[in-house]
PDB file of N, CA and C in Angstrom:
ATOM      1  N   MET A   1      11.694 209.289  49.505  1.00  0.00           N
ATOM      2  CA  MET A   1      12.142 210.032  48.337  1.00  0.00           C
ATOM      3  C   MET A   1      11.753 211.505  48.463  1.00  0.00           C
ATOM      4  N   PHE A   2      10.492 211.761  48.847  1.00  0.00           N
ATOM      5  CA  PHE A   2      10.036 213.145  48.966  1.00  0.00           C
ATOM      6  C   PHE A   2      10.790 213.872  50.072  1.00  0.00           C
ATOM      7  N   GLY A   3      11.048 213.193  51.170  1.00  0.00           N
ATOM      8  CA  GLY A   3      11.787 213.798  52.280  1.00  0.00           C
ATOM      9  C   GLY A   3      13.193 214.204  51.866  1.00  0.00           C
ATOM     10  N   TRP A   4      13.856 213.349  51.094  1.00  0.00           N
ATOM     11  CA  TRP A   4      15.197 213.664  50.613  1.00  0.00           C
ATOM     12  C   TRP A   4      15.176 214.904  49.724  1.00  0.00           C
ATOM     13  N   LEU A   5      14.199 214.978  48.826  1.00  0.00           N
ATOM     14  CA  LEU A   5      14.080 216.111  47.916  1.00  0.00           C
ATOM     15  C   LEU A   5      13.782 217.396  48.688  1.00  0.00           C
ATOM     16  N   ALA A   6      12.932 217.305  49.692  1.00  0.00           N
ATOM     17  CA  ALA A   6      12.610 218.477  50.511  1.00  0.00           C
ATOM     18  C   ALA A   6      13.858 218.961  51.251  1.00  0.00           C
ATOM     19  N   ASN A   7      14.636 218.029  51.789  1.00  0.00           N
ATOM     20  CA  ASN A   7      15.878 218.402  52.482  1.00  0.00           C
ATOM     21  C   ASN A   7      16.871 219.070  51.531  1.00  0.00           C
ATOM     22  N   GLN A   8      17.009 218.517  50.342  1.00  0.00           N
ATOM     23  CA  GLN A   8      17.923 219.108  49.359  1.00  0.00           C
ATOM     24  C   GLN A   8      17.472 220.515  48.969  1.00  0.00           C
ATOM     25  N   THR A   9      16.177 220.705  48.823  1.00  0.00           N
ATOM     26  CA  THR A   9      15.636 222.021  48.478  1.00  0.00           C
ATOM     27  C   THR A   9      15.910 223.015  49.598  1.00  0.00           C
ATOM     28  N   ARG A  10      15.692 222.602  50.853  1.00  0.00           N
ATOM     29  CA  ARG A  10      15.967 223.473  51.997  1.00  0.00           C
ATOM     30  C   ARG A  10      17.450 223.838  52.065  1.00  0.00           C
ATOM     31  N   ASN A  11      18.308 222.846  51.852  1.00  0.00           N
ATOM     32  CA  ASN A  11      19.752 223.098  51.881  1.00  0.00           C
ATOM     33  C   ASN A  11      20.170 224.075  50.787  1.00  0.00           C
ATOM     34  N   LEU A  12      19.590 223.905  49.614  1.00  0.00           N
ATOM     35  CA  LEU A  12      19.900 224.804  48.506  1.00  0.00           C
ATOM     36  C   LEU A  12      19.423 226.220  48.811  1.00  0.00           C
ATOM     37  N   ALA A  13      18.261 226.350  49.416  1.00  0.00           N
ATOM     38  CA  ALA A  13      17.741 227.669  49.789  1.00  0.00           C
ATOM     39  C   ALA A  13      18.662 228.332  50.811  1.00  0.00           C
ATOM     40  N   LYS A  14      19.170 227.555  51.759  1.00  0.00           N
ATOM     41  CA  LYS A  14      20.101 228.101  52.757  1.00  0.00           C
ATOM     42  C   LYS A  14      21.375 228.605  52.097  1.00  0.00           C
ATOM     43  N   VAL A  15      21.861 227.871  51.111  1.00  0.00           N
ATOM     44  CA  VAL A  15      23.078 228.285  50.402  1.00  0.00           C
ATOM     45  C   VAL A  15      22.847 229.616  49.707  1.00  0.00           C
ATOM     46  N   PHE A  16      21.711 229.747  49.010  1.00  0.00           N
ATOM     47  CA  PHE A  16      21.427 230.997  48.304  1.00  0.00           C
ATOM     48  C   PHE A  16      21.255 232.158  49.281  1.00  0.00           C
ATOM     49  N   GLN A  17      20.591 231.925  50.398  1.00  0.00           N
ATOM     50  CA  GLN A  17      20.426 232.985  51.393  1.00  0.00           C
ATOM     51  C   GLN A  17      21.781 233.391  51.963  1.00  0.00           C
ATOM     52  N   SER A  18      22.625 232.417  52.208  1.00  0.00           N
ATOM     53  CA  SER A  18      23.958 232.696  52.732  1.00  0.00           C
ATOM     54  C   SER A  18      24.773 233.504  51.726  1.00  0.00           C
ATOM     55  N   GLU A  19      24.675 233.143  50.446  1.00  0.00           N
ATOM     56  CA  GLU A  19      25.402 233.880  49.409  1.00  0.00           C
ATOM     57  C   GLU A  19      24.904 235.312  49.317  1.00  0.00           C
ATOM     58  N   GLU A  20      23.582 235.513  49.452  1.00  0.00           N
ATOM     59  CA  GLU A  20      23.033 236.866  49.408  1.00  0.00           C
ATOM     60  C   GLU A  20      23.560 237.685  50.580  1.00  0.00           C
ATOM     61  N   ARG A  21      23.610 237.086  51.767  1.00  0.00           N
ATOM     62  CA  ARG A  21      24.137 237.793  52.935  1.00  0.00           C
ATOM     63  C   ARG A  21      25.612 238.125  52.735  1.00  0.00           C
ATOM     64  N   ASN A  22      26.366 237.178  52.178  1.00  0.00           N
ATOM     65  CA  ASN A  22      27.786 237.427  51.927  1.00  0.00           C
ATOM     66  C   ASN A  22      27.974 238.563  50.928  1.00  0.00           C
ATOM     67  N   GLU A  23      27.127 238.585  49.875  1.00  0.00           N
ATOM     68  CA  GLU A  23      27.198 239.673  48.906  1.00  0.00           C
ATOM     69  C   GLU A  23      26.922 241.002  49.582  1.00  0.00           C
ATOM     70  N   LEU A  24      25.922 241.022  50.445  1.00  0.00           N
ATOM     71  CA  LEU A  24      25.577 242.253  51.154  1.00  0.00           C
ATOM     72  C   LEU A  24      26.734 242.690  52.039  1.00  0.00           C
ATOM     73  N   ASN A  25      27.319 241.747  52.753  1.00  0.00           N
ATOM     74  CA  ASN A  25      28.476 242.069  53.592  1.00  0.00           C
ATOM     75  C   ASN A  25      29.641 242.566  52.746  1.00  0.00           C
ATOM     76  N   ASP A  26      29.875 241.921  51.599  1.00  0.00           N
ATOM     77  CA  ASP A  26      30.949 242.348  50.709  1.00  0.00           C
ATOM     78  C   ASP A  26      30.713 243.771  50.227  1.00  0.00           C
ATOM     79  N   ASP A  27      29.468 244.095  49.876  1.00  0.00           N
ATOM     80  CA  ASP A  27      29.144 245.447  49.420  1.00  0.00           C
ATOM     81  C   ASP A  27      29.390 246.465  50.525  1.00  0.00           C
ATOM     82  N   HIS A  28      28.990 246.131  51.750  1.00  0.00           N
ATOM     83  CA  HIS A  28      29.196 247.062  52.860  1.00  0.00           C
ATOM     84  C   HIS A  28      30.684 247.220  53.188  1.00  0.00           C
ATOM     85  N   LEU A  29      31.431 246.141  53.087  1.00  0.00           N
ATOM     86  CA  LEU A  29      32.877 246.236  53.310  1.00  0.00           C
ATOM     87  C   LEU A  29      33.533 247.082  52.226  1.00  0.00           C
ATOM     88  N   ALA A  30      33.092 246.898  50.985  1.00  0.00           N
ATOM     89  CA  ALA A  30      33.631 247.705  49.883  1.00  0.00           C
ATOM     90  C   ALA A  30      33.288 249.171  50.077  1.00  0.00           C
ATOM     91  N   LEU A  31      32.076 249.447  50.572  1.00  0.00           N
ATOM     92  CA  LEU A  31      31.674 250.832  50.824  1.00  0.00           C
ATOM     93  C   LEU A  31      32.550 251.451  51.913  1.00  0.00           C
ATOM     94  N   ALA A  32      32.802 250.711  52.966  1.00  0.00           N
ATOM     95  CA  ALA A  32      33.656 251.217  54.048  1.00  0.00           C
ATOM     96  C   ALA A  32      35.078 251.463  53.542  1.00  0.00           C
ATOM     97  N   GLU A  33      35.579 250.555  52.724  1.00  0.00           N
ATOM     98  CA  GLU A  33      36.918 250.730  52.153  1.00  0.00           C
ATOM     99  C   GLU A  33      36.953 251.950  51.230  1.00  0.00           C
ATOM    100  N   ALA A  34      35.913 252.121  50.421  1.00  0.00           N
ATOM    101  CA  ALA A  34      35.841 253.281  49.525  1.00  0.00           C
ATOM    102  C   ALA A  34      35.794 254.578  50.321  1.00  0.00           C
ATOM    103  N   HIS A  35      35.114 254.554  51.453  1.00  0.00           N
ATOM    104  CA  HIS A  35      35.051 255.748  52.296  1.00  0.00           C
ATOM    105  C   HIS A  35      36.435 256.083  52.855  1.00  0.00           C
ATOM    106  N   ARG A  36      37.152 255.068  53.306  1.00  0.00           N
ATOM    107  CA  ARG A  36      38.514 255.288  53.808  1.00  0.00           C
ATOM    108  C   ARG A  36      39.418 255.839  52.698  1.00  0.00           C
ATOM    109  N   GLU A  37      39.273 255.286  51.481  1.00  0.00           N
ATOM    110  CA  GLU A  37      40.074 255.773  50.358  1.00  0.00           C
ATOM    111  C   GLU A  37      39.732 257.227  50.038  1.00  0.00           C
ATOM    112  N   TRP A  38      38.463 257.565  50.124  1.00  0.00           N
ATOM    113  CA  TRP A  38      38.023 258.935  49.862  1.00  0.00           C
ATOM    114  C   TRP A  38      38.642 259.895  50.891  1.00  0.00           C
ATOM    115  N   LEU A  39      38.587 259.514  52.157  1.00  0.00           N
ATOM    116  CA  LEU A  39      39.180 260.346  53.203  1.00  0.00           C
ATOM    117  C   LEU A  39      40.689 260.486  53.018  1.00  0.00           C
ATOM    118  N   ALA A  40      41.350 259.394  52.648  1.00  0.00           N
ATOM    119  CA  ALA A  40      42.798 259.442  52.421  1.00  0.00           C
ATOM    120  C   ALA A  40      43.129 260.339  51.225  1.00  0.00           C
ATOM    121  N   ALA A  41      42.322 260.265  50.179  1.00  0.00           N
ATOM    122  CA  ALA A  41      42.548 261.110  49.001  1.00  0.00           C
ATOM    123  C   ALA A  41      42.349 262.579  49.348  1.00  0.00           C
ATOM    124  N   ARG A  42      41.354 262.856  50.173  1.00  0.00           N
ATOM    125  CA  ARG A  42      41.114 264.241  50.585  1.00  0.00           C
ATOM    126  C   ARG A  42      42.286 264.754  51.434  1.00  0.00           C
ATOM    127  N   GLU A  43      42.773 263.912  52.322  1.00  0.00           N
ATOM    128  CA  GLU A  43      43.920 264.287  53.152  1.00  0.00           C
ATOM    129  C   GLU A  43      45.154 264.542  52.283  1.00  0.00           C
ATOM    130  N   PHE A  44      45.373 263.678  51.288  1.00  0.00           N
ATOM    131  CA  PHE A  44      46.506 263.856  50.382  1.00  0.00           C
ATOM    132  C   PHE A  44      46.368 265.168  49.615  1.00  0.00           C
ATOM    133  N   PHE A  45      45.149 265.469  49.151  1.00  0.00           N
ATOM    134  CA  PHE A  45      44.901 266.720  48.435  1.00  0.00           C
ATOM    135  C   PHE A  45      45.235 267.928  49.306  1.00  0.00           C
ATOM    136  N   GLU A  46      44.840 267.865  50.556  1.00  0.00           N
ATOM    137  CA  GLU A  46      45.094 268.986  51.463  1.00  0.00           C
ATOM    138  C   GLU A  46      46.583 269.176  51.746  1.00  0.00           C
ATOM    139  N   GLN A  47      47.362 268.114  51.621  1.00  0.00           N
ATOM    140  CA  GLN A  47      48.796 268.183  51.912  1.00  0.00           C
ATOM    141  C   GLN A  47      49.646 268.475  50.673  1.00  0.00           C
ATOM    142  N   ALA A  48      49.097 268.270  49.481  1.00  0.00           N
ATOM    143  CA  ALA A  48      49.873 268.412  48.244  1.00  0.00           C
ATOM    144  C   ALA A  48      50.211 269.877  47.974  1.00  0.00           C
ATOM    145  N   THR A  49      51.454 270.110  47.583  1.00  0.00           N
ATOM    146  CA  THR A  49      51.887 271.477  47.265  1.00  0.00           C
ATOM    147  C   THR A  49      52.452 271.581  45.851  1.00  0.00           C
ATOM    148  N   ASP A  50      53.077 270.540  45.357  1.00  0.00           N
ATOM    149  CA  ASP A  50      53.629 270.538  44.006  1.00  0.00           C
ATOM    150  C   ASP A  50      52.483 270.515  42.987  1.00  0.00           C
ATOM    151  N   PRO A  51      52.540 271.328  41.941  1.00  0.00           N
ATOM    152  CA  PRO A  51      51.440 271.384  40.967  1.00  0.00           C
ATOM    153  C   PRO A  51      51.087 270.027  40.354  1.00  0.00           C
ATOM    154  N   ASP A  52      52.092 269.210  40.059  1.00  0.00           N
ATOM    155  CA  ASP A  52      51.809 267.881  39.506  1.00  0.00           C
ATOM    156  C   ASP A  52      51.089 267.003  40.526  1.00  0.00           C
ATOM    157  N   LEU A  53      51.500 267.092  41.773  1.00  0.00           N
ATOM    158  CA  LEU A  53      50.843 266.302  42.821  1.00  0.00           C
ATOM    159  C   LEU A  53      49.443 266.819  43.109  1.00  0.00           C
ATOM    160  N   VAL A  54      49.245 268.121  42.986  1.00  0.00           N
ATOM    161  CA  VAL A  54      47.903 268.680  43.183  1.00  0.00           C
ATOM    162  C   VAL A  54      46.961 268.132  42.117  1.00  0.00           C
ATOM    163  N   GLU A  55      47.437 268.095  40.872  1.00  0.00           N
ATOM    164  CA  GLU A  55      46.611 267.548  39.784  1.00  0.00           C
ATOM    165  C   GLU A  55      46.282 266.076  40.050  1.00  0.00           C
ATOM    166  N   TYR A  56      47.300 265.315  40.443  1.00  0.00           N
ATOM    167  CA  TYR A  56      47.086 263.906  40.776  1.00  0.00           C
ATOM    168  C   TYR A  56      46.101 263.768  41.936  1.00  0.00           C
ATOM    169  N   ALA A  57      46.246 264.606  42.937  1.00  0.00           N
ATOM    170  CA  ALA A  57      45.374 264.548  44.110  1.00  0.00           C
ATOM    171  C   ALA A  57      43.928 264.849  43.733  1.00  0.00           C
ATOM    172  N   ILE A  58      43.727 265.811  42.842  1.00  0.00           N
ATOM    173  CA  ILE A  58      42.368 266.147  42.401  1.00  0.00           C
ATOM    174  C   ILE A  58      41.737 264.963  41.687  1.00  0.00           C
ATOM    175  N   LEU A  59      42.486 264.354  40.775  1.00  0.00           N
ATOM    176  CA  LEU A  59      41.957 263.201  40.039  1.00  0.00           C
ATOM    177  C   LEU A  59      41.678 262.027  40.975  1.00  0.00           C
ATOM    178  N   SER A  60      42.580 261.786  41.916  1.00  0.00           N
ATOM    179  CA  SER A  60      42.384 260.698  42.882  1.00  0.00           C
ATOM    180  C   SER A  60      41.160 260.952  43.752  1.00  0.00           C
ATOM    181  N   LEU A  61      40.989 262.191  44.165  1.00  0.00           N
ATOM    182  CA  LEU A  61      39.847 262.546  45.004  1.00  0.00           C
ATOM    183  C   LEU A  61      38.538 262.357  44.252  1.00  0.00           C
ATOM    184  N   LYS A  62      38.497 262.789  43.000  1.00  0.00           N
ATOM    185  CA  LYS A  62      37.285 262.613  42.188  1.00  0.00           C
ATOM    186  C   LYS A  62      36.974 261.133  41.982  1.00  0.00           C
ATOM    187  N   ALA A  63      38.004 260.344  41.696  1.00  0.00           N
ATOM    188  CA  ALA A  63      37.803 258.911  41.479  1.00  0.00           C
ATOM    189  C   ALA A  63      37.303 258.228  42.750  1.00  0.00           C
ATOM    190  N   ALA A  64      37.885 258.563  43.874  1.00  0.00           N
ATOM    191  CA  ALA A  64      37.472 257.961  45.143  1.00  0.00           C
ATOM    192  C   ALA A  64      36.033 258.338  45.475  1.00  0.00           C
ATOM    193  N   GLU A  65      35.679 259.593  45.226  1.00  0.00           N
ATOM    194  CA  GLU A  65      34.313 260.034  45.498  1.00  0.00           C
ATOM    195  C   GLU A  65      33.318 259.304  44.600  1.00  0.00           C
ATOM    196  N   LYS A  66      33.643 259.172  43.322  1.00  0.00           N
ATOM    197  CA  LYS A  66      32.740 258.490  42.388  1.00  0.00           C
ATOM    198  C   LYS A  66      32.562 257.024  42.774  1.00  0.00           C
ATOM    199  N   ARG A  67      33.650 256.368  43.186  1.00  0.00           N
ATOM    200  CA  ARG A  67      33.548 254.962  43.606  1.00  0.00           C
ATOM    201  C   ARG A  67      32.652 254.838  44.830  1.00  0.00           C
ATOM    202  N   TYR A  68      32.822 255.735  45.789  1.00  0.00           N
ATOM    203  CA  TYR A  68      32.004 255.703  46.999  1.00  0.00           C
ATOM    204  C   TYR A  68      30.529 255.906  46.656  1.00  0.00           C
ATOM    205  N   VAL A  69      30.234 256.898  45.833  1.00  0.00           N
ATOM    206  CA  VAL A  69      28.843 257.188  45.465  1.00  0.00           C
ATOM    207  C   VAL A  69      28.242 256.015  44.696  1.00  0.00           C
ATOM    208  N   TYR A  70      29.023 255.413  43.801  1.00  0.00           N
ATOM    209  CA  TYR A  70      28.542 254.249  43.052  1.00  0.00           C
ATOM    210  C   TYR A  70      28.155 253.113  43.993  1.00  0.00           C
ATOM    211  N   LEU A  71      29.026 252.782  44.930  1.00  0.00           N
ATOM    212  CA  LEU A  71      28.740 251.688  45.862  1.00  0.00           C
ATOM    213  C   LEU A  71      27.556 252.020  46.759  1.00  0.00           C
ATOM    214  N   TRP A  72      27.459 253.265  47.188  1.00  0.00           N
ATOM    215  CA  TRP A  72      26.341 253.684  48.029  1.00  0.00           C
ATOM    216  C   TRP A  72      25.023 253.521  47.273  1.00  0.00           C
ATOM    217  N   LYS A  73      24.995 253.952  46.015  1.00  0.00           N
ATOM    218  CA  LYS A  73      23.780 253.805  45.199  1.00  0.00           C
ATOM    219  C   LYS A  73      23.456 252.338  44.958  1.00  0.00           C
ATOM    220  N   LYS A  74      24.485 251.519  44.760  1.00  0.00           N
ATOM    221  CA  LYS A  74      24.279 250.084  44.538  1.00  0.00           C
ATOM    222  C   LYS A  74      23.617 249.445  45.754  1.00  0.00           C
ATOM    223  N   ILE A  75      24.087 249.800  46.931  1.00  0.00           N
ATOM    224  CA  ILE A  75      23.506 249.250  48.157  1.00  0.00           C
ATOM    225  C   ILE A  75      22.079 249.748  48.340  1.00  0.00           C
ATOM    226  N   ARG A  76      21.851 251.030  48.109  1.00  0.00           N
ATOM    227  CA  ARG A  76      20.496 251.587  48.236  1.00  0.00           C
ATOM    228  C   ARG A  76      19.536 250.926  47.261  1.00  0.00           C
ATOM    229  N   ALA A  77      19.973 250.692  46.031  1.00  0.00           N
ATOM    230  CA  ALA A  77      19.116 250.062  45.024  1.00  0.00           C
ATOM    231  C   ALA A  77      18.771 248.634  45.430  1.00  0.00           C
ATOM    232  N   GLY A  78      19.689 247.963  46.097  1.00  0.00           N
ATOM    233  CA  GLY A  78      19.442 246.600  46.541  1.00  0.00           C
ATOM    234  C   GLY A  78      18.438 246.505  47.667  1.00  0.00           C
ATOM    235  N   LYS A  79      18.261 247.583  48.423  1.00  0.00           N
ATOM    236  CA  LYS A  79      17.313 247.583  49.540  1.00  0.00           C
ATOM    237  C   LYS A  79      15.892 247.845  49.080  1.00  0.00           C
ATOM    238  N   ASP A  80      15.736 248.443  47.906  1.00  0.00           N
ATOM    239  CA  ASP A  80      14.385 248.771  47.410  1.00  0.00           C
ATOM    240  C   ASP A  80      13.676 247.577  46.850  1.00  0.00           C
TER     241      ASP A  80
END
């Protein structure tokens, strides 16, 4: 009986550790995606010439930057 309970506890611990690693990987993948979006928004801003598109590009660039910084801070906070 005790052996079965110990095995179940170990298995449950492995599941939680695996989920934590997956969360960490998901956060890093999201950060990489946010970085790509930020670079794409900056490129779009540099290419925009129409005043309406320039305004859109500025807003998109700010949003992409804020998302990237948010994810970066989230990952840093998780390491502390």
